[in-house]
């Protein structure tokens, strides 16, 4: 997973500082996400997936298909 979030950031010419601001964390924390020294919260993982328009399974290295799944139409409880 950590390799993929770094590759996506670099492929989009973004800085760690930019992504850290997007996730409301400091740059050092984001850097640790990319090296695997710090676990990414589910909320941050979802935000990253939405930002790059990829699935969380892609970020988690469970698939090589980037396309996100269709949004659920189930009513929220």
PDB file of N, CA and C in Angstrom:
ATOM      1  N   UNK A   1       0.829  -1.189   0.000  1.00  0.00           N
ATOM      2  CA  UNK A   1       0.000   0.000   0.000  1.00  0.00           C
ATOM      3  C   UNK A   1       0.873   1.251   0.000  1.00  0.00           C
ATOM      4  N   UNK A   2       1.910   1.228   0.790  1.00  0.00           N
ATOM      5  CA  UNK A   2       2.710   2.433   0.953  1.00  0.00           C
ATOM      6  C   UNK A   2       3.369   2.842  -0.362  1.00  0.00           C
ATOM      7  N   UNK A   3       3.796   1.869  -1.123  1.00  0.00           N
ATOM      8  CA  UNK A   3       4.411   2.152  -2.427  1.00  0.00           C
ATOM      9  C   UNK A   3       3.404   2.831  -3.349  1.00  0.00           C
ATOM     10  N   UNK A   4       2.172   2.365  -3.307  1.00  0.00           N
ATOM     11  CA  UNK A   4       1.154   2.902  -4.223  1.00  0.00           C
ATOM     12  C   UNK A   4       0.798   4.347  -3.888  1.00  0.00           C
ATOM     13  N   UNK A   5       0.676   4.682  -2.617  1.00  0.00           N
ATOM     14  CA  UNK A   5       0.316   6.077  -2.316  1.00  0.00           C
ATOM     15  C   UNK A   5       1.460   7.012  -2.703  1.00  0.00           C
ATOM     16  N   UNK A   6       2.681   6.534  -2.578  1.00  0.00           N
ATOM     17  CA  UNK A   6       3.819   7.356  -2.998  1.00  0.00           C
ATOM     18  C   UNK A   6       3.836   7.506  -4.518  1.00  0.00           C
ATOM     19  N   UNK A   7       3.639   6.396  -5.234  1.00  0.00           N
ATOM     20  CA  UNK A   7       3.641   6.458  -6.697  1.00  0.00           C
ATOM     21  C   UNK A   7       2.541   7.369  -7.231  1.00  0.00           C
ATOM     22  N   UNK A   8       1.353   7.274  -6.649  1.00  0.00           N
ATOM     23  CA  UNK A   8       0.255   8.138  -7.083  1.00  0.00           C
ATOM     24  C   UNK A   8       0.588   9.605  -6.844  1.00  0.00           C
ATOM     25  N   UNK A   9       1.157   9.900  -5.676  1.00  0.00           N
ATOM     26  CA  UNK A   9       1.521  11.286  -5.364  1.00  0.00           C
ATOM     27  C   UNK A   9       2.562  11.796  -6.356  1.00  0.00           C
ATOM     28  N   UNK A  10       3.594  10.999  -6.591  1.00  0.00           N
ATOM     29  CA  UNK A  10       4.659  11.426  -7.497  1.00  0.00           C
ATOM     30  C   UNK A  10       4.167  11.529  -8.941  1.00  0.00           C
ATOM     31  N   UNK A  11       3.328  10.585  -9.366  1.00  0.00           N
ATOM     32  CA  UNK A  11       2.782  10.624 -10.731  1.00  0.00           C
ATOM     33  C   UNK A  11       1.936  11.860 -10.968  1.00  0.00           C
ATOM     34  N   UNK A  12       1.366  12.411  -9.908  1.00  0.00           N
ATOM     35  CA  UNK A  12       0.535  13.607 -10.014  1.00  0.00           C
ATOM     36  C   UNK A  12       1.297  14.880  -9.648  1.00  0.00           C
ATOM     37  N   UNK A  13       2.610  14.753  -9.502  1.00  0.00           N
ATOM     38  CA  UNK A  13       3.491  15.892  -9.186  1.00  0.00           C
ATOM     39  C   UNK A  13       3.025  16.660  -7.954  1.00  0.00           C
ATOM     40  N   UNK A  14       2.662  15.909  -6.905  1.00  0.00           N
ATOM     41  CA  UNK A  14       2.224  16.524  -5.653  1.00  0.00           C
ATOM     42  C   UNK A  14       3.297  16.337  -4.589  1.00  0.00           C
ATOM     43  N   UNK A  15       3.301  17.239  -3.629  1.00  0.00           N
ATOM     44  CA  UNK A  15       4.257  17.131  -2.526  1.00  0.00           C
ATOM     45  C   UNK A  15       3.623  16.410  -1.342  1.00  0.00           C
ATOM     46  N   UNK A  16       4.463  15.921  -0.471  1.00  0.00           N
ATOM     47  CA  UNK A  16       3.964  15.330   0.769  1.00  0.00           C
ATOM     48  C   UNK A  16       3.224  16.387   1.589  1.00  0.00           C
ATOM     49  N   UNK A  17       3.698  17.600   1.544  1.00  0.00           N
ATOM     50  CA  UNK A  17       3.050  18.690   2.282  1.00  0.00           C
ATOM     51  C   UNK A  17       1.626  18.914   1.785  1.00  0.00           C
ATOM     52  N   UNK A  18       1.446  18.879   0.477  1.00  0.00           N
ATOM     53  CA  UNK A  18       0.107  19.055  -0.098  1.00  0.00           C
ATOM     54  C   UNK A  18      -0.826  17.951   0.390  1.00  0.00           C
ATOM     55  N   UNK A  19      -0.369  16.703   0.306  1.00  0.00           N
ATOM     56  CA  UNK A  19      -1.202  15.572   0.719  1.00  0.00           C
ATOM     57  C   UNK A  19      -1.471  15.607   2.221  1.00  0.00           C
ATOM     58  N   UNK A  20      -0.480  16.023   2.988  1.00  0.00           N
ATOM     59  CA  UNK A  20      -0.664  16.126   4.437  1.00  0.00           C
ATOM     60  C   UNK A  20      -1.763  17.134   4.767  1.00  0.00           C
ATOM     61  N   UNK A  21      -1.771  18.264   4.083  1.00  0.00           N
ATOM     62  CA  UNK A  21      -2.814  19.270   4.304  1.00  0.00           C
ATOM     63  C   UNK A  21      -4.185  18.722   3.928  1.00  0.00           C
ATOM     64  N   UNK A  22      -4.252  17.976   2.834  1.00  0.00           N
ATOM     65  CA  UNK A  22      -5.507  17.366   2.396  1.00  0.00           C
ATOM     66  C   UNK A  22      -6.060  16.424   3.467  1.00  0.00           C
ATOM     67  N   UNK A  23      -5.165  15.713   4.142  1.00  0.00           N
ATOM     68  CA  UNK A  23      -5.568  14.722   5.146  1.00  0.00           C
ATOM     69  C   UNK A  23      -5.606  15.280   6.564  1.00  0.00           C
ATOM     70  N   UNK A  24      -5.261  16.541   6.715  1.00  0.00           N
ATOM     71  CA  UNK A  24      -5.225  17.178   8.041  1.00  0.00           C
ATOM     72  C   UNK A  24      -4.227  16.523   8.993  1.00  0.00           C
ATOM     73  N   UNK A  25      -3.048  16.204   8.454  1.00  0.00           N
ATOM     74  CA  UNK A  25      -1.948  15.688   9.271  1.00  0.00           C
ATOM     75  C   UNK A  25      -0.717  16.510   8.927  1.00  0.00           C
ATOM     76  N   UNK A  26       0.333  16.380   9.737  1.00  0.00           N
ATOM     77  CA  UNK A  26       1.543  17.122   9.376  1.00  0.00           C
ATOM     78  C   UNK A  26       2.352  16.326   8.350  1.00  0.00           C
ATOM     79  N   UNK A  27       3.307  16.995   7.728  1.00  0.00           N
ATOM     80  CA  UNK A  27       4.082  16.376   6.644  1.00  0.00           C
ATOM     81  C   UNK A  27       4.849  15.167   7.136  1.00  0.00           C
ATOM     82  N   UNK A  28       5.358  15.216   8.342  1.00  0.00           N
ATOM     83  CA  UNK A  28       6.130  14.091   8.894  1.00  0.00           C
ATOM     84  C   UNK A  28       5.245  12.844   9.029  1.00  0.00           C
ATOM     85  N   UNK A  29       4.012  13.028   9.469  1.00  0.00           N
ATOM     86  CA  UNK A  29       3.082  11.903   9.577  1.00  0.00           C
ATOM     87  C   UNK A  29       2.813  11.318   8.198  1.00  0.00           C
ATOM     88  N   UNK A  30       2.562  12.190   7.217  1.00  0.00           N
ATOM     89  CA  UNK A  30       2.319  11.698   5.869  1.00  0.00           C
ATOM     90  C   UNK A  30       3.535  10.950   5.334  1.00  0.00           C
ATOM     91  N   UNK A  31       4.711  11.455   5.582  1.00  0.00           N
ATOM     92  CA  UNK A  31       5.936  10.787   5.163  1.00  0.00           C
ATOM     93  C   UNK A  31       6.001   9.377   5.754  1.00  0.00           C
ATOM     94  N   UNK A  32       5.592   9.258   6.993  1.00  0.00           N
ATOM     95  CA  UNK A  32       5.589   7.941   7.652  1.00  0.00           C
ATOM     96  C   UNK A  32       4.533   7.017   7.058  1.00  0.00           C
ATOM     97  N   UNK A  33       3.452   7.582   6.532  1.00  0.00           N
ATOM     98  CA  UNK A  33       2.481   6.758   5.810  1.00  0.00           C
ATOM     99  C   UNK A  33       3.163   6.104   4.605  1.00  0.00           C
ATOM    100  N   UNK A  34       3.939   6.898   3.885  1.00  0.00           N
ATOM    101  CA  UNK A  34       4.572   6.406   2.663  1.00  0.00           C
ATOM    102  C   UNK A  34       5.675   5.388   2.928  1.00  0.00           C
ATOM    103  N   UNK A  35       6.271   5.430   4.107  1.00  0.00           N
ATOM    104  CA  UNK A  35       7.333   4.466   4.426  1.00  0.00           C
ATOM    105  C   UNK A  35       6.799   3.274   5.212  1.00  0.00           C
ATOM    106  N   UNK A  36       5.547   3.340   5.623  1.00  0.00           N
ATOM    107  CA  UNK A  36       4.969   2.245   6.386  1.00  0.00           C
ATOM    108  C   UNK A  36       5.274   2.298   7.867  1.00  0.00           C
ATOM    109  N   UNK A  37       5.860   3.398   8.318  1.00  0.00           N
ATOM    110  CA  UNK A  37       6.182   3.550   9.738  1.00  0.00           C
ATOM    111  C   UNK A  37       4.953   3.910  10.566  1.00  0.00           C
ATOM    112  N   UNK A  38       3.895   4.370   9.901  1.00  0.00           N
ATOM    113  CA  UNK A  38       2.686   4.801  10.597  1.00  0.00           C
ATOM    114  C   UNK A  38       1.478   4.260   9.841  1.00  0.00           C
ATOM    115  N   UNK A  39       0.538   3.691  10.568  1.00  0.00           N
ATOM    116  CA  UNK A  39      -0.678   3.154   9.951  1.00  0.00           C
ATOM    117  C   UNK A  39      -1.589   4.287   9.477  1.00  0.00           C
ATOM    118  N   UNK A  40      -2.185   4.096   8.328  1.00  0.00           N
ATOM    119  CA  UNK A  40      -3.132   5.067   7.788  1.00  0.00           C
ATOM    120  C   UNK A  40      -4.519   4.716   8.303  1.00  0.00           C
ATOM    121  N   UNK A  41      -5.231   5.703   8.806  1.00  0.00           N
ATOM    122  CA  UNK A  41      -6.596   5.458   9.282  1.00  0.00           C
ATOM    123  C   UNK A  41      -7.503   5.128   8.098  1.00  0.00           C
ATOM    124  N   UNK A  42      -8.605   4.459   8.387  1.00  0.00           N
ATOM    125  CA  UNK A  42      -9.556   4.145   7.324  1.00  0.00           C
ATOM    126  C   UNK A  42     -10.104   5.406   6.678  1.00  0.00           C
ATOM    127  N   UNK A  43     -10.328   6.425   7.489  1.00  0.00           N
ATOM    128  CA  UNK A  43     -10.840   7.689   6.952  1.00  0.00           C
ATOM    129  C   UNK A  43      -9.838   8.304   5.970  1.00  0.00           C
ATOM    130  N   UNK A  44      -8.562   8.293   6.329  1.00  0.00           N
ATOM    131  CA  UNK A  44      -7.532   8.847   5.442  1.00  0.00           C
ATOM    132  C   UNK A  44      -7.361   7.989   4.199  1.00  0.00           C
ATOM    133  N   UNK A  45      -7.425   6.685   4.350  1.00  0.00           N
ATOM    134  CA  UNK A  45      -7.309   5.789   3.203  1.00  0.00           C
ATOM    135  C   UNK A  45      -8.449   6.046   2.215  1.00  0.00           C
ATOM    136  N   UNK A  46      -9.651   6.215   2.736  1.00  0.00           N
ATOM    137  CA  UNK A  46     -10.802   6.510   1.882  1.00  0.00           C
ATOM    138  C   UNK A  46     -10.644   7.851   1.194  1.00  0.00           C
ATOM    139  N   UNK A  47     -10.134   8.831   1.919  1.00  0.00           N
ATOM    140  CA  UNK A  47      -9.944  10.167   1.351  1.00  0.00           C
ATOM    141  C   UNK A  47      -8.908  10.136   0.226  1.00  0.00           C
ATOM    142  N   UNK A  48      -7.839   9.366   0.419  1.00  0.00           N
ATOM    143  CA  UNK A  48      -6.810   9.231  -0.612  1.00  0.00           C
ATOM    144  C   UNK A  48      -7.405   8.555  -1.850  1.00  0.00           C
ATOM    145  N   UNK A  49      -8.166   7.492  -1.632  1.00  0.00           N
ATOM    146  CA  UNK A  49      -8.792   6.777  -2.756  1.00  0.00           C
ATOM    147  C   UNK A  49      -9.727   7.705  -3.528  1.00  0.00           C
ATOM    148  N   UNK A  50     -10.541   8.466  -2.821  1.00  0.00           N
ATOM    149  CA  UNK A  50     -11.449   9.404  -3.478  1.00  0.00           C
ATOM    150  C   UNK A  50     -10.677  10.493  -4.231  1.00  0.00           C
ATOM    151  N   UNK A  51      -9.626  10.996  -3.622  1.00  0.00           N
ATOM    152  CA  UNK A  51      -8.834  12.059  -4.236  1.00  0.00           C
ATOM    153  C   UNK A  51      -8.234  11.601  -5.566  1.00  0.00           C
ATOM    154  N   UNK A  52      -7.683  10.398  -5.595  1.00  0.00           N
ATOM    155  CA  UNK A  52      -7.051   9.875  -6.807  1.00  0.00           C
ATOM    156  C   UNK A  52      -8.023   9.107  -7.702  1.00  0.00           C
ATOM    157  N   UNK A  53      -9.270   8.971  -7.256  1.00  0.00           N
ATOM    158  CA  UNK A  53     -10.289   8.244  -7.999  1.00  0.00           C
ATOM    159  C   UNK A  53      -9.859   6.793  -8.268  1.00  0.00           C
ATOM    160  N   UNK A  54      -9.400   6.138  -7.208  1.00  0.00           N
ATOM    161  CA  UNK A  54      -9.014   4.725  -7.262  1.00  0.00           C
ATOM    162  C   UNK A  54      -9.742   3.993  -6.145  1.00  0.00           C
ATOM    163  N   UNK A  55      -9.725   2.683  -6.208  1.00  0.00           N
ATOM    164  CA  UNK A  55     -10.361   1.908  -5.142  1.00  0.00           C
ATOM    165  C   UNK A  55      -9.401   1.747  -3.963  1.00  0.00           C
ATOM    166  N   UNK A  56      -9.967   1.528  -2.802  1.00  0.00           N
ATOM    167  CA  UNK A  56      -9.128   1.244  -1.638  1.00  0.00           C
ATOM    168  C   UNK A  56      -8.407  -0.087  -1.836  1.00  0.00           C
ATOM    169  N   UNK A  57      -9.033  -1.021  -2.541  1.00  0.00           N
ATOM    170  CA  UNK A  57      -8.356  -2.294  -2.839  1.00  0.00           C
ATOM    171  C   UNK A  57      -7.095  -2.055  -3.664  1.00  0.00           C
ATOM    172  N   UNK A  58      -7.133  -1.090  -4.568  1.00  0.00           N
ATOM    173  CA  UNK A  58      -5.941  -0.750  -5.338  1.00  0.00           C
ATOM    174  C   UNK A  58      -4.858  -0.208  -4.410  1.00  0.00           C
ATOM    175  N   UNK A  59      -5.237   0.690  -3.510  1.00  0.00           N
ATOM    176  CA  UNK A  59      -4.266   1.251  -2.570  1.00  0.00           C
ATOM    177  C   UNK A  59      -3.683   0.170  -1.661  1.00  0.00           C
ATOM    178  N   UNK A  60      -4.517  -0.793  -1.288  1.00  0.00           N
ATOM    179  CA  UNK A  60      -4.075  -1.869  -0.401  1.00  0.00           C
ATOM    180  C   UNK A  60      -3.327  -2.973  -1.146  1.00  0.00           C
ATOM    181  N   UNK A  61      -3.131  -2.783  -2.451  1.00  0.00           N
ATOM    182  CA  UNK A  61      -2.394  -3.733  -3.293  1.00  0.00           C
ATOM    183  C   UNK A  61      -3.110  -5.082  -3.408  1.00  0.00           C
ATOM    184  N   UNK A  62      -4.447  -5.027  -3.338  1.00  0.00           N
ATOM    185  CA  UNK A  62      -5.249  -6.247  -3.487  1.00  0.00           C
ATOM    186  C   UNK A  62      -5.672  -6.465  -4.929  1.00  0.00           C
ATOM    187  N   UNK A  63      -5.512  -5.436  -5.752  1.00  0.00           N
ATOM    188  CA  UNK A  63      -5.839  -5.519  -7.172  1.00  0.00           C
ATOM    189  C   UNK A  63      -4.983  -4.522  -7.926  1.00  0.00           C
ATOM    190  N   UNK A  64      -4.822  -4.771  -9.214  1.00  0.00           N
ATOM    191  CA  UNK A  64      -4.101  -3.819 -10.059  1.00  0.00           C
ATOM    192  C   UNK A  64      -5.059  -2.927 -10.835  1.00  0.00           C
ATOM    193  N   UNK A  65      -6.347  -3.109 -10.606  1.00  0.00           N
ATOM    194  CA  UNK A  65      -7.369  -2.299 -11.272  1.00  0.00           C
ATOM    195  C   UNK A  65      -7.590  -1.030 -10.448  1.00  0.00           C
ATOM    196  N   UNK A  66      -7.327   0.102 -11.057  1.00  0.00           N
ATOM    197  CA  UNK A  66      -7.443   1.370 -10.335  1.00  0.00           C
ATOM    198  C   UNK A  66      -8.878   1.838 -10.153  1.00  0.00           C
ATOM    199  N   UNK A  67      -9.731   1.531 -11.099  1.00  0.00           N
ATOM    200  CA  UNK A  67     -11.091   2.073 -11.119  1.00  0.00           C
ATOM    201  C   UNK A  67     -11.831   1.784  -9.811  1.00  0.00           C
ATOM    202  N   UNK A  68     -12.411   2.823  -9.209  1.00  0.00           N
ATOM    203  CA  UNK A  68     -13.157   2.592  -7.960  1.00  0.00           C
ATOM    204  C   UNK A  68     -14.484   1.888  -8.236  1.00  0.00           C
ATOM    205  N   UNK A  69     -15.010   1.295  -7.214  1.00  0.00           N
ATOM    206  CA  UNK A  69     -16.306   0.634  -7.313  1.00  0.00           C
ATOM    207  C   UNK A  69     -17.410   1.679  -7.386  1.00  0.00           C
ATOM    208  N   UNK A  70     -18.558   1.331  -7.971  1.00  0.00           N
ATOM    209  CA  UNK A  70     -19.687   2.277  -7.964  1.00  0.00           C
ATOM    210  C   UNK A  70     -20.121   2.556  -6.530  1.00  0.00           C
ATOM    211  N   UNK A  71     -20.570   3.761  -6.305  1.00  0.00           N
ATOM    212  CA  UNK A  71     -21.049   4.148  -4.966  1.00  0.00           C
ATOM    213  C   UNK A  71     -22.312   3.360  -4.635  1.00  0.00           C
ATOM    214  N   UNK A  72     -22.450   2.991  -3.387  1.00  0.00           N
ATOM    215  CA  UNK A  72     -23.607   2.237  -2.922  1.00  0.00           C
ATOM    216  C   UNK A  72     -24.852   3.107  -2.935  1.00  0.00           C
ATOM    217  N   UNK A  73     -25.978   2.515  -3.301  1.00  0.00           N
ATOM    218  CA  UNK A  73     -27.244   3.253  -3.322  1.00  0.00           C
ATOM    219  C   UNK A  73     -28.109   2.860  -2.142  1.00  0.00           C
ATOM    220  N   UNK A  74     -27.524   2.154  -1.177  1.00  0.00           N
ATOM    221  CA  UNK A  74     -28.265   1.778   0.015  1.00  0.00           C
ATOM    222  C   UNK A  74     -28.501   3.001   0.885  1.00  0.00           C
ATOM    223  N   UNK A  75     -29.654   3.087   1.520  1.00  0.00           N
ATOM    224  CA  UNK A  75     -29.886   4.223   2.405  1.00  0.00           C
ATOM    225  C   UNK A  75     -28.962   4.151   3.626  1.00  0.00           C
ATOM    226  N   UNK A  76     -28.490   5.305   4.038  1.00  0.00           N
ATOM    227  CA  UNK A  76     -27.618   5.368   5.218  1.00  0.00           C
ATOM    228  C   UNK A  76     -28.476   5.315   6.474  1.00  0.00           C
ATOM    229  N   UNK A  77     -27.984   4.568   7.468  1.00  0.00           N
ATOM    230  CA  UNK A  77     -28.745   4.483   8.717  1.00  0.00           C
ATOM    231  C   UNK A  77     -28.325   5.525   9.710  1.00  0.00           C
TER     232      UNK A  77
END
